[in-house]
């Protein structure tokens, strides 16, 4: 499991490969945001958009 997501997270019942992709994308976004917290879009919005894009 990734360091930024928890069991029962959105998408937990999806295809395992798809879930792995979502977790990699979320982790990448979080890592980028932690490196540059002044980025303009709230992390919640980015995560919501990422998850919606994959549905």
Protein backbone atom coordinates (compact mmCIF):
# COMPACT_ATOMS: atom_id res chain seq x y z
CA UNK A 1 0.00 0.00 0.00
CA UNK A 2 1.18 3.49 -0.71
CA UNK A 3 2.31 5.86 2.02
CA UNK A 4 -0.43 8.41 1.24
CA UNK A 5 -3.54 6.25 0.93
CA UNK A 6 -5.34 4.02 3.41
CA UNK A 7 -7.37 0.84 3.20
CA UNK A 8 -10.92 1.70 2.29
CA UNK A 9 -9.86 4.71 0.24
CA UNK A 10 -11.92 5.66 -2.81
CA UNK A 11 -11.32 3.14 -5.56
CA UNK A 12 -10.44 0.30 -3.19
CA UNK A 13 -12.92 -1.99 -4.94
CA UNK A 14 -11.56 -1.28 -8.44
CA UNK A 15 -9.25 -3.34 -10.59
CA UNK A 16 -5.90 -3.73 -8.76
CA UNK A 17 -3.90 -2.32 -11.70
CA UNK A 18 -6.20 0.66 -11.89
CA UNK A 19 -5.91 1.23 -8.15
CA UNK A 20 -2.11 1.06 -8.40
CA UNK A 21 -2.20 3.72 -11.12
CA UNK A 22 -4.43 5.95 -8.97
CA UNK A 23 -2.12 5.54 -5.99
CA UNK A 24 0.96 6.37 -8.10
CA UNK A 25 -0.73 9.48 -9.48
CA UNK A 26 -1.87 10.65 -6.04
CA UNK A 27 1.57 9.97 -4.55
CA UNK A 28 3.22 11.87 -7.41
CA UNK A 29 0.92 14.84 -6.89
CA UNK A 30 1.44 14.81 -3.13
CA UNK A 31 5.22 14.57 -3.54
CA UNK A 32 5.20 17.48 -5.99
CA UNK A 33 2.99 19.52 -3.68
CA UNK A 34 5.21 18.83 -0.67
CA UNK A 35 8.21 20.02 -2.70
CA UNK A 36 6.32 23.18 -3.72
CA UNK A 37 3.42 23.87 -1.32
CA UNK A 38 2.74 27.25 -2.92
CA UNK A 39 1.20 25.66 -6.03
CA UNK A 40 -2.14 27.26 -6.88
CA UNK A 41 -4.70 24.42 -6.79
CA UNK A 42 -5.70 22.82 -3.47
CA UNK A 43 -4.52 19.19 -3.21
CA UNK A 44 -8.09 18.04 -2.54
CA UNK A 45 -9.21 19.42 -5.90
CA UNK A 46 -6.32 17.75 -7.69
CA UNK A 47 -7.06 14.40 -6.05
CA UNK A 48 -10.79 14.67 -6.81
CA UNK A 49 -10.02 15.46 -10.47
CA UNK A 50 -7.51 12.60 -10.69
CA UNK A 51 -10.00 10.11 -9.29
CA UNK A 52 -12.83 11.40 -11.49
CA UNK A 53 -10.63 11.15 -14.60
CA UNK A 54 -10.05 7.46 -13.95
CA UNK A 55 -13.75 6.51 -13.66
